Every structure is written in structure tokens, then in C-alpha cells.
C-alpha atoms as a PDB file:
ATOM      1  CA  MET A   1      46.779 -33.687   7.130  1.00  0.00           C
ATOM      2  CA  SER A   2      47.671 -32.471  10.624  1.00  0.00           C
ATOM      3  CA  ARG A   3      45.720 -33.459  13.711  1.00  0.00           C
ATOM      4  CA  HIS A   4      44.478 -29.893  14.017  1.00  0.00           C
ATOM      5  CA  ASP A   5      43.141 -29.889  10.440  1.00  0.00           C
ATOM      6  CA  GLU A   6      41.474 -33.247  11.013  1.00  0.00           C
ATOM      7  CA  ILE A   7      39.677 -31.983  14.135  1.00  0.00           C
ATOM      8  CA  TRP A   8      38.814 -28.714  12.372  1.00  0.00           C
ATOM      9  CA  GLY A   9      36.939 -30.652   9.692  1.00  0.00           C
ATOM     10  CA  GLN A  10      34.838 -32.385  12.387  1.00  0.00           C
ATOM     11  CA  LEU A  11      33.789 -29.222  14.271  1.00  0.00           C
ATOM     12  CA  THR A  12      30.555 -28.750  12.330  1.00  0.00           C
ATOM     13  CA  GLY A  13      29.486 -32.329  13.019  1.00  0.00           C
ATOM     14  CA  TYR A  14      30.432 -31.812  16.662  1.00  0.00           C
ATOM     15  CA  ALA A  15      28.245 -28.691  16.868  1.00  0.00           C
ATOM     16  CA  LEU A  16      25.377 -30.578  15.205  1.00  0.00           C
ATOM     17  CA  GLY A  17      25.765 -33.517  17.632  1.00  0.00           C
ATOM     18  CA  GLU A  18      26.344 -36.036  14.821  1.00  0.00           C
ATOM     19  CA  LEU A  19      29.710 -37.512  15.866  1.00  0.00           C
ATOM     20  CA  SER A  20      30.080 -40.930  17.364  1.00  0.00           C
ATOM     21  CA  ALA A  21      31.026 -41.106  21.025  1.00  0.00           C
ATOM     22  CA  PRO A  22      34.733 -41.976  20.431  1.00  0.00           C
ATOM     23  CA  VAL A  23      35.186 -39.203  17.851  1.00  0.00           C
ATOM     24  CA  ARG A  24      33.330 -36.732  20.031  1.00  0.00           C
ATOM     25  CA  GLU A  25      35.669 -37.509  22.935  1.00  0.00           C
ATOM     26  CA  GLN A  26      38.682 -36.925  20.686  1.00  0.00           C
ATOM     27  CA  VAL A  27      37.278 -33.531  19.599  1.00  0.00           C
ATOM     28  CA  GLN A  28      36.558 -32.562  23.190  1.00  0.00           C
ATOM     29  CA  ALA A  29      40.114 -33.458  24.215  1.00  0.00           C
ATOM     30  CA  HIS A  30      41.473 -31.291  21.388  1.00  0.00           C
ATOM     31  CA  LEU A  31      39.170 -28.352  22.283  1.00  0.00           C
ATOM     32  CA  ALA A  32      40.550 -28.331  25.816  1.00  0.00           C
ATOM     33  CA  GLY A  33      43.941 -27.295  24.480  1.00  0.00           C
ATOM     34  CA  CYS A  34      43.113 -25.419  21.243  1.00  0.00           C
ATOM     35  CA  ALA A  35      41.577 -21.944  21.685  1.00  0.00           C
ATOM     36  CA  GLU A  36      41.070 -21.506  17.918  1.00  0.00           C
ATOM     37  CA  CYS A  37      38.904 -24.617  17.604  1.00  0.00           C
ATOM     38  CA  ALA A  38      37.051 -23.824  20.838  1.00  0.00           C
ATOM     39  CA  ILE A  39      36.105 -20.383  19.490  1.00  0.00           C
ATOM     40  CA  GLU A  40      34.986 -21.902  16.185  1.00  0.00           C
ATOM     41  CA  VAL A  41      32.729 -24.416  17.979  1.00  0.00           C
ATOM     42  CA  ARG A  42      31.184 -21.690  20.109  1.00  0.00           C
ATOM     43  CA  GLU A  43      30.463 -19.530  17.049  1.00  0.00           C
ATOM     44  CA  LEU A  44      29.013 -22.505  15.155  1.00  0.00           C
ATOM     45  CA  SER A  45      26.747 -23.343  18.099  1.00  0.00           C
ATOM     46  CA  LEU A  46      25.508 -19.756  18.352  1.00  0.00           C
ATOM     47  CA  ALA A  47      24.897 -19.591  14.614  1.00  0.00           C
ATOM     48  CA  LEU A  48      22.935 -22.849  14.581  1.00  0.00           C
ATOM     49  CA  GLU A  49      20.899 -21.733  17.571  1.00  0.00           C
ATOM     50  CA  ALA A  50      20.108 -18.445  15.810  1.00  0.00           C
ATOM     51  CA  VAL A  51      18.846 -20.333  12.761  1.00  0.00           C
ATOM     52  CA  GLY A  52      16.542 -22.337  15.024  1.00  0.00           C
ATOM     53  CA  VAL A  53      14.989 -19.334  16.751  1.00  0.00           C
ATOM     54  CA  SER A  54      14.830 -17.073  13.705  1.00  0.00           C
ATOM     55  CA  SER A  55      12.010 -18.960  12.025  1.00  0.00           C
ATOM     56  CA  THR A  56       8.386 -19.205  13.086  1.00  0.00           C
ATOM     57  CA  PRO A  57       7.026 -22.770  13.417  1.00  0.00           C
ATOM     58  CA  MET A  58       4.283 -23.563  10.893  1.00  0.00           C
ATOM     59  CA  THR A  59       1.603 -26.227  10.987  1.00  0.00           C
ATOM     60  CA  PRO A  60       1.250 -27.874   7.556  1.00  0.00           C
ATOM     61  CA  PRO A  61      -2.223 -28.356   6.088  1.00  0.00           C
ATOM     62  CA  VAL A  62      -3.849 -31.756   6.642  1.00  0.00           C
ATOM     63  CA  SER A  63      -3.743 -32.473   2.903  1.00  0.00           C
ATOM     64  CA  VAL A  64       0.063 -32.106   2.893  1.00  0.00           C
ATOM     65  CA  LYS A  65       0.381 -34.454   5.862  1.00  0.00           C
ATOM     66  CA  ASP A  66      -1.830 -37.067   4.161  1.00  0.00           C
ATOM     67  CA  ARG A  67       0.187 -36.932   0.923  1.00  0.00           C
ATOM     68  CA  MET A  68       3.463 -37.335   2.810  1.00  0.00           C
ATOM     69  CA  LEU A  69       2.166 -40.353   4.739  1.00  0.00           C
ATOM     70  CA  ALA A  70       0.844 -41.920   1.542  1.00  0.00           C
ATOM     71  CA  GLY A  71       4.184 -41.367  -0.170  1.00  0.00           C
ATOM     72  CA  LEU A  72       6.115 -42.885   2.717  1.00  0.00           C
ATOM     73  CA  GLY A  73       3.830 -45.918   2.719  1.00  0.00           C
ATOM     74  CA  SER A  74       4.609 -46.585  -0.927  1.00  0.00           C
ATOM     75  CA  GLN A  75       8.400 -46.496  -0.406  1.00  0.00           C
ATOM     76  CA  PRO A  76      10.419 -49.488   0.853  1.00  0.00           C
ATOM     77  CA  PHE A  77      11.808 -49.000   4.335  1.00  0.00           C
ATOM     78  CA  PRO A  78      15.636 -48.874   4.242  1.00  0.00           C
ATOM     79  CA  GLN A  79      17.498 -51.627   6.057  1.00  0.00           C
ATOM     80  CA  ALA A  80      20.127 -49.316   7.433  1.00  0.00           C
ATOM     81  CA  LEU A  81      20.750 -45.602   7.755  1.00  0.00           C
ATOM     82  CA  PRO A  82      24.059 -44.002   6.829  1.00  0.00           C
ATOM     83  CA  THR A  83      26.086 -43.327   9.936  1.00  0.00           C
ATOM     84  CA  THR A  84      28.421 -40.652   8.546  1.00  0.00           C
ATOM     85  CA  PRO A  85      26.414 -38.250   6.387  1.00  0.00           C
ATOM     86  CA  THR A  86      28.557 -35.603   4.812  1.00  0.00           C
ATOM     87  CA  THR A  87      25.905 -33.221   3.420  1.00  0.00           C
ATOM     88  CA  LEU A  88      22.423 -31.887   4.126  1.00  0.00           C
ATOM     89  CA  THR A  89      19.883 -32.236   1.275  1.00  0.00           C
ATOM     90  CA  ILE A  90      17.449 -29.352   0.722  1.00  0.00           C
ATOM     91  CA  ALA A  91      14.898 -29.676  -2.128  1.00  0.00           C
ATOM     92  CA  SER A  92      16.873 -30.585  -5.225  1.00  0.00           C
ATOM     93  CA  GLY A  93      20.206 -29.078  -4.118  1.00  0.00           C
ATOM     94  CA  ARG A  94      22.841 -30.071  -1.547  1.00  0.00           C
ATOM     95  CA  ILE A  95      24.377 -27.728   1.030  1.00  0.00           C
ATOM     96  CA  SER A  96      27.553 -28.588   2.920  1.00  0.00           C
ATOM     97  CA  ARG A  97      27.437 -28.136   6.688  1.00  0.00           C
ATOM     98  CA  PRO A  98      30.158 -25.455   6.879  1.00  0.00           C
ATOM     99  CA  TRP A  99      27.977 -23.265   4.706  1.00  0.00           C
ATOM    100  CA  LEU A 100      25.150 -23.639   7.243  1.00  0.00           C
ATOM    101  CA  ALA A 101      27.115 -21.674   9.814  1.00  0.00           C
ATOM    102  CA  ILE A 102      28.017 -19.047   7.194  1.00  0.00           C
ATOM    103  CA  ALA A 103      24.348 -18.705   6.223  1.00  0.00           C
ATOM    104  CA  ALA A 104      23.310 -18.366   9.859  1.00  0.00           C
ATOM    105  CA  SER A 105      25.929 -15.659  10.441  1.00  0.00           C
ATOM    106  CA  THR A 106      24.714 -13.843   7.327  1.00  0.00           C
ATOM    107  CA  VAL A 107      21.143 -13.918   8.647  1.00  0.00           C
ATOM    108  CA  LEU A 108      22.300 -12.361  11.918  1.00  0.00           C
ATOM    109  CA  VAL A 109      24.352  -9.656  10.170  1.00  0.00           C
ATOM    110  CA  VAL A 110      21.588  -8.734   7.709  1.00  0.00           C
ATOM    111  CA  GLY A 111      19.032  -8.716  10.525  1.00  0.00           C
ATOM    112  CA  GLY A 112      21.254  -6.426  12.572  1.00  0.00           C
ATOM    113  CA  ILE A 113      21.735  -4.053   9.628  1.00  0.00           C
ATOM    114  CA  LEU A 114      17.988  -3.914   9.024  1.00  0.00           C
ATOM    115  CA  ALA A 115      17.288  -3.243  12.699  1.00  0.00           C
ATOM    116  CA  VAL A 116      19.846  -0.425  12.833  1.00  0.00           C
ATOM    117  CA  SER A 117      18.491   1.032   9.582  1.00  0.00           C
ATOM    118  CA  GLN A 118      14.951   1.004  10.928  1.00  0.00           C
ATOM    119  CA  GLN A 119      16.075   2.663  14.163  1.00  0.00           C
ATOM    120  CA  ARG A 120      17.963   5.328  12.253  1.00  0.00           C
ATOM    121  CA  ALA A 121      14.979   5.935   9.960  1.00  0.00           C
ATOM    122  CA  ALA A 122      12.670   6.310  12.948  1.00  0.00           C
ATOM    123  CA  GLY A 123      15.123   8.668  14.647  1.00  0.00           C
ATOM    124  CA  LEU A 124      15.472  10.719  11.449  1.00  0.00           C
ATOM    125  CA  ALA A 125      11.693  10.968  11.070  1.00  0.00           C
ATOM    126  CA  ALA A 126      11.352  12.152  14.677  1.00  0.00           C
ATOM    127  CA  GLU A 127      14.140  14.698  14.171  1.00  0.00           C
ATOM    128  CA  LEU A 128      12.442  15.999  11.006  1.00  0.00           C
ATOM    129  CA  ARG A 129       9.192  16.409  12.927  1.00  0.00           C
ATOM    130  CA  ARG A 130      11.029  18.382  15.617  1.00  0.00           C
ATOM    131  CA  VAL A 131      12.681  20.556  12.968  1.00  0.00           C
ATOM    132  CA  ASP A 132       9.300  21.205  11.316  1.00  0.00           C
ATOM    133  CA  ALA A 133       7.812  22.185  14.677  1.00  0.00           C
ATOM    134  CA  ASN A 134      10.734  24.518  15.390  1.00  0.00           C
ATOM    135  CA  VAL A 135      10.477  26.105  11.950  1.00  0.00           C
ATOM    136  CA  ALA A 136       6.738  26.656  12.417  1.00  0.00           C
ATOM    137  CA  GLN A 137       7.344  28.215  15.842  1.00  0.00           C
ATOM    138  CA  LEU A 138      10.088  30.473  14.471  1.00  0.00           C
ATOM    139  CA  ALA A 139       7.827  31.542  11.603  1.00  0.00           C
ATOM    140  CA  THR A 140       5.068  32.448  14.071  1.00  0.00           C
ATOM    141  CA  GLU A 141       7.504  34.387  16.261  1.00  0.00           C
ATOM    142  CA  ALA A 142       8.908  36.210  13.225  1.00  0.00           C
ATOM    143  CA  THR A 143       5.393  37.213  12.160  1.00  0.00           C
ATOM    144  CA  THR A 144       4.645  38.500  15.672  1.00  0.00           C
ATOM    145  CA  VAL A 145       7.894  40.480  15.848  1.00  0.00           C
ATOM    146  CA  ALA A 146       7.257  42.011  12.428  1.00  0.00           C
ATOM    147  CA  ALA A 147       3.752  43.064  13.463  1.00  0.00           C
ATOM    148  CA  GLN A 148       5.079  44.551  16.726  1.00  0.00           C
ATOM    149  CA  ALA A 149       7.743  46.502  14.818  1.00  0.00           C
ATOM    150  CA  ASP A 150       5.148  47.903  12.416  1.00  0.00           C
ATOM    151  CA  LEU A 151       2.932  48.945  15.333  1.00  0.00           C
ATOM    152  CA  ALA A 152       5.853  50.597  17.142  1.00  0.00           C
ATOM    153  CA  VAL A 153       6.699  52.655  14.049  1.00  0.00           C
ATOM    154  CA  ALA A 154       3.037  53.648  13.675  1.00  0.00           C
ATOM    155  CA  ILE A 155       2.872  54.817  17.321  1.00  0.00           C
ATOM    156  CA  LEU A 156       6.115  56.780  17.188  1.00  0.00           C
ATOM    157  CA  THR A 157       5.182  58.550  13.941  1.00  0.00           C
ATOM    158  CA  ALA A 158       1.508  59.194  14.790  1.00  0.00           C
ATOM    159  CA  SER A 159       0.447  62.844  14.738  1.00  0.00           C
ATOM    160  CA  ASP A 160      -1.156  62.533  18.183  1.00  0.00           C
ATOM    161  CA  MET A 161       1.763  60.718  19.835  1.00  0.00           C
ATOM    162  CA  ARG A 162       2.788  62.040  23.269  1.00  0.00           C
ATOM    163  CA  ARG A 163       5.776  61.050  25.384  1.00  0.00           C
ATOM    164  CA  ILE A 164       5.240  60.139  29.024  1.00  0.00           C
ATOM    165  CA  ASP A 165       8.195  59.882  31.432  1.00  0.00           C
ATOM    166  CA  LEU A 166       7.521  57.385  34.207  1.00  0.00           C
ATOM    167  CA  GLN A 167       8.702  57.717  37.793  1.00  0.00           C
ATOM    168  CA  GLY A 168       9.826  54.684  39.798  1.00  0.00           C
ATOM    169  CA  PHE A 169       8.640  53.848  43.311  1.00  0.00           C
ATOM    170  CA  ASP A 170       9.988  51.717  46.167  1.00  0.00           C
ATOM    171  CA  ALA A 171      11.902  48.709  44.751  1.00  0.00           C
ATOM    172  CA  SER A 172      11.719  50.270  41.246  1.00  0.00           C
ATOM    173  CA  ARG A 173      12.848  53.786  42.232  1.00  0.00           C
ATOM    174  CA  ASP A 174      16.064  53.422  40.188  1.00  0.00           C
ATOM    175  CA  ALA A 175      14.249  52.208  37.070  1.00  0.00           C
ATOM    176  CA  ALA A 176      14.234  54.308  33.917  1.00  0.00           C
ATOM    177  CA  ALA A 177      11.016  54.038  31.899  1.00  0.00           C
ATOM    178  CA  ARG A 178       9.215  55.954  29.176  1.00  0.00           C
ATOM    179  CA  ALA A 179       5.887  55.543  27.399  1.00  0.00           C
ATOM    180  CA  TYR A 180       4.723  56.742  23.999  1.00  0.00           C
ATOM    181  CA  TRP A 181       0.970  57.127  23.744  1.00  0.00           C
ATOM    182  CA  SER A 182      -1.206  57.627  20.677  1.00  0.00           C
ATOM    183  CA  GLY A 183      -4.968  57.535  21.059  1.00  0.00           C
ATOM    184  CA  THR A 184      -5.230  56.408  17.422  1.00  0.00           C
ATOM    185  CA  LYS A 185      -2.340  53.937  17.187  1.00  0.00           C
ATOM    186  CA  GLY A 186      -1.601  52.581  20.672  1.00  0.00           C
ATOM    187  CA  LEU A 187       0.942  52.461  23.512  1.00  0.00           C
ATOM    188  CA  LEU A 188       4.669  51.748  23.487  1.00  0.00           C
ATOM    189  CA  ILE A 189       6.393  51.474  26.876  1.00  0.00           C
ATOM    190  CA  VAL A 190      10.029  50.589  27.527  1.00  0.00           C
ATOM    191  CA  ALA A 191      11.779  50.160  30.878  1.00  0.00           C
ATOM    192  CA  ASP A 192      15.349  49.616  32.040  1.00  0.00           C
ATOM    193  CA  ARG A 193      16.839  48.665  35.422  1.00  0.00           C
ATOM    194  CA  LEU A 194      13.470  47.255  36.419  1.00  0.00           C
ATOM    195  CA  PRO A 195      13.916  44.737  39.285  1.00  0.00           C
ATOM    196  CA  PRO A 196      12.484  41.227  38.871  1.00  0.00           C
ATOM    197  CA  PRO A 197       8.885  41.016  40.114  1.00  0.00           C
ATOM    198  CA  PRO A 198       8.182  38.944  43.261  1.00  0.00           C
ATOM    199  CA  PRO A 199       7.941  35.166  42.713  1.00  0.00           C
ATOM    200  CA  GLY A 200       4.721  34.141  40.965  1.00  0.00           C
ATOM    201  CA  ARG A 201       3.957  37.699  39.847  1.00  0.00           C
ATOM    202  CA  ILE A 202       4.402  39.800  36.709  1.00  0.00           C
ATOM    203  CA  TYR A 203       4.364  43.503  35.792  1.00  0.00           C
ATOM    204  CA  GLN A 204       1.034  44.735  34.400  1.00  0.00           C
ATOM    205  CA  VAL A 205       0.443  48.090  32.652  1.00  0.00           C
ATOM    206  CA  TRP A 206      -2.654  50.215  33.289  1.00  0.00           C
ATOM    207  CA  LEU A 207      -4.093  53.212  31.414  1.00  0.00           C
ATOM    208  CA  ILE A 208      -6.333  55.731  33.148  1.00  0.00           C
ATOM    209  CA  GLY A 209      -8.179  58.353  31.075  1.00  0.00           C
ATOM    210  CA  THR A 210     -10.330  61.322  32.089  1.00  0.00           C
ATOM    211  CA  GLY A 211     -13.558  59.804  30.895  1.00  0.00           C
ATOM    212  CA  GLY A 212     -14.463  58.525  34.351  1.00  0.00           C
ATOM    213  CA  ALA A 213     -13.672  54.840  33.700  1.00  0.00           C
ATOM    214  CA  GLY A 214     -11.323  52.982  36.067  1.00  0.00           C
ATOM    215  CA  PRO A 215      -7.870  51.658  35.137  1.00  0.00           C
ATOM    216  CA  VAL A 216      -7.852  49.681  31.886  1.00  0.00           C
ATOM    217  CA  SER A 217      -5.303  46.904  31.449  1.00  0.00           C
ATOM    218  CA  ALA A 218      -2.954  47.500  28.537  1.00  0.00           C
ATOM    219  CA  GLY A 219      -1.095  44.211  28.916  1.00  0.00           C
ATOM    220  CA  LEU A 220       1.893  42.588  30.582  1.00  0.00           C
ATOM    221  CA  VAL A 221       5.502  43.754  30.502  1.00  0.00           C
ATOM    222  CA  ARG A 222       7.772  40.903  29.471  1.00  0.00           C
ATOM    223  CA  GLY A 223      11.531  40.939  29.289  1.00  0.00           C
ATOM    224  CA  ARG A 224      14.697  39.917  31.060  1.00  0.00           C
ATOM    225  CA  ALA A 225      17.886  41.325  32.587  1.00  0.00           C
ATOM    226  CA  GLY A 226      15.966  44.279  34.035  1.00  0.00           C
ATOM    227  CA  ARG A 227      14.532  45.370  30.674  1.00  0.00           C
ATOM    228  CA  GLY A 228      10.939  45.162  29.546  1.00  0.00           C
ATOM    229  CA  MET A 229       8.719  46.330  26.707  1.00  0.00           C
ATOM    230  CA  LEU A 230       5.065  46.442  25.758  1.00  0.00           C
ATOM    231  CA  ILE A 231       3.590  47.438  22.396  1.00  0.00           C
ATOM    232  CA  VAL A 232      -0.210  47.350  22.078  1.00  0.00           C
ATOM    233  CA  ALA A 233      -3.041  48.903  20.109  1.00  0.00           C
ATOM    234  CA  PRO A 234      -5.099  51.485  22.055  1.00  0.00           C
ATOM    235  CA  PRO A 235      -7.256  49.692  24.659  1.00  0.00           C
ATOM    236  CA  ALA A 236     -10.976  50.449  24.568  1.00  0.00           C
ATOM    237  CA  GLY A 237     -12.333  52.804  27.262  1.00  0.00           C
ATOM    238  CA  VAL A 238      -9.369  55.188  27.470  1.00  0.00           C
ATOM    239  CA  THR A 239     -10.618  58.676  26.579  1.00  0.00           C
ATOM    240  CA  GLY A 240      -9.893  62.299  27.414  1.00  0.00           C
ATOM    241  CA  GLY A 241      -6.967  64.622  26.991  1.00  0.00           C
ATOM    242  CA  THR A 242      -5.133  63.489  30.114  1.00  0.00           C
ATOM    243  CA  VAL A 243      -3.797  59.939  30.304  1.00  0.00           C
ATOM    244  CA  THR A 244      -1.981  58.220  33.170  1.00  0.00           C
ATOM    245  CA  VAL A 245       0.230  55.169  32.688  1.00  0.00           C
ATOM    246  CA  ALA A 246       0.921  52.971  35.735  1.00  0.00           C
ATOM    247  CA  VAL A 247       2.794  49.684  36.257  1.00  0.00           C
ATOM    248  CA  THR A 248       2.018  47.321  39.158  1.00  0.00           C
ATOM    249  CA  ASP A 249       3.053  43.766  40.025  1.00  0.00           C
ATOM    250  CA  GLU A 250       0.154  41.304  39.783  1.00  0.00           C
ATOM    251  CA  PRO A 251      -0.371  37.516  39.886  1.00  0.00           C
ATOM    252  CA  ASP A 252       1.186  35.731  36.925  1.00  0.00           C
ATOM    253  CA  GLY A 253      -1.198  35.984  33.983  1.00  0.00           C
ATOM    254  CA  GLY A 254      -2.611  39.349  34.995  1.00  0.00           C
ATOM    255  CA  VAL A 255      -5.846  40.520  36.668  1.00  0.00           C
ATOM    256  CA  PRO A 256      -8.867  42.631  35.574  1.00  0.00           C
ATOM    257  CA  ALA A 257      -8.115  45.428  38.074  1.00  0.00           C
ATOM    258  CA  PRO A 258      -4.903  46.474  39.862  1.00  0.00           C
ATOM    259  CA  THR A 259      -4.265  44.882  43.265  1.00  0.00           C
ATOM    260  CA  GLY A 260      -0.479  44.910  43.681  1.00  0.00           C
ATOM    261  CA  SER A 261       2.237  47.382  44.529  1.00  0.00           C
ATOM    262  CA  LYS A 262       2.842  50.427  42.317  1.00  0.00           C
ATOM    263  CA  HIS A 263       6.222  50.490  40.534  1.00  0.00           C
ATOM    264  CA  LEU A 264       6.005  53.095  37.740  1.00  0.00           C
ATOM    265  CA  VAL A 265       3.616  56.023  37.179  1.00  0.00           C
ATOM    266  CA  GLY A 266       3.483  58.894  34.674  1.00  0.00           C
ATOM    267  CA  SER A 267       0.852  61.234  33.226  1.00  0.00           C
ATOM    268  CA  VAL A 268       0.429  63.583  30.292  1.00  0.00           C
END
């Protein structure tokens, strides 16, 4: 057996602190010049430390303590203890020390796998919840779009539908806009080349009938890239043969009565 093999067989005892002082000094001298053995000792030490911290200390019941003390009292005290134990005894079996390091490493690996699996499961569950929320939102949006499309068709095909060309003013003078009004079905208004409203404001549509009532809000024009659209059922309070459609910019969220600048106006 080579000197290296001899030292290799003593590394577990070195990590456990069971070597005599002379042997320990020999192992230490060898470790100073052998990287392979030094790495093995470091890994053994880490594995043994992991075994120590991986278990939760337990306090045995008093009855167990009493039985152990009684049993020890009935046994003769040995005259001498073995100085070079070669195995660790657990219950009725015997486990060699090299296997202790292997078992400790296995505990660490299995624990790491379980931790990663739990993290992945939690991440997957969160992702599924996000997907469910997105699907629900898309379903709601699809229902809204379908309802808007049905209403638009009803307005455009209504027997009392009238087209209203809207004229742009000031910052919106180059905008092209048109409204389709049906007293029985509602209002459809589309606009192109409409400039963005001032910061913190939004375009609001008003209907003015000949029944004497003031402007009635029909809703807010939403869109992007200079295009906007509004499709709504006929607002209450708009009566008479003549109807005026106007668009103003108002505080974000809309207001009960117009207060902002006029951008589009048309009548029929």
C-alpha cells in the first residue's frame, strides 16, 4: 500500500477528530502537499457538519432517561475503551465511516432537489394563476368587442339612421370625423387625424337635441395614433328632429357638463 493510500484511509478519522496526535500530524503533513486529499478532507468536513445541522435536537421523555440510567447501572463498567474504533454502531447494524460522508452528501443533494422542485411548483402555480387571469380578461374584452360590433351593425342598418359630418376646430381643424345617429339604436362616431388631448384630459362626446335639454354626455372617445371611436346606445334626454354632436376635451374621466375647448361639431 502506498503512503497516499494509507493516508487516504485515515481521512475520515481525521475529519471526525479521532486520530492520535502523531497520526494526525502525519496526515496534516501529507495534506500540505496533496491537493486530492485536502479536497477530500474539506468535503468530508462539510458533509459531517451538514449532518449535524440538518437534524432538530429532541429532548427524550423522562421515562426513557430513567430506563437508560437503570440499564447502565446494571452493566459492569469497562476497564478500558478501544482506542482505534473502525466502525460506528447504529441500532443492530454497523455503518462504516466512509459511508457517513456519502449519506451526508446524499441528504444535501436530495434536500436541494426538493427545494428546487418546490420552488418550481410554486412558480408554475403563480404562472397558471396569471394565465387564468389573462384568459378571463381576454374573455371579457372579447365579449365587450362582440357587443360593440353588434351595436354598430344595428345603428348602421337602423331605418332612422342619419349621417352627421363633423367639422374640426383649432388644434383639430385637420381631423376627419363622422357620426351615425339613430334615435332608436344609438350613436356611432369615428375620427381620424385627431390630435392627442392635452395632458390629463380626454375627448368627451355630447349630444344636443331640440327638446330644450342641455348637452347630454354620450361617452368618451378612446383610441390611439390619432384615431378614436365611440359606440353607445341612445342616451336618455335627446329628443327632437335636429341633433347636434360635439366633441370637447375634458378632465380625464369625463364631466357632467362641457367645460373644455370645442374640437368637433356637426348637426343634422
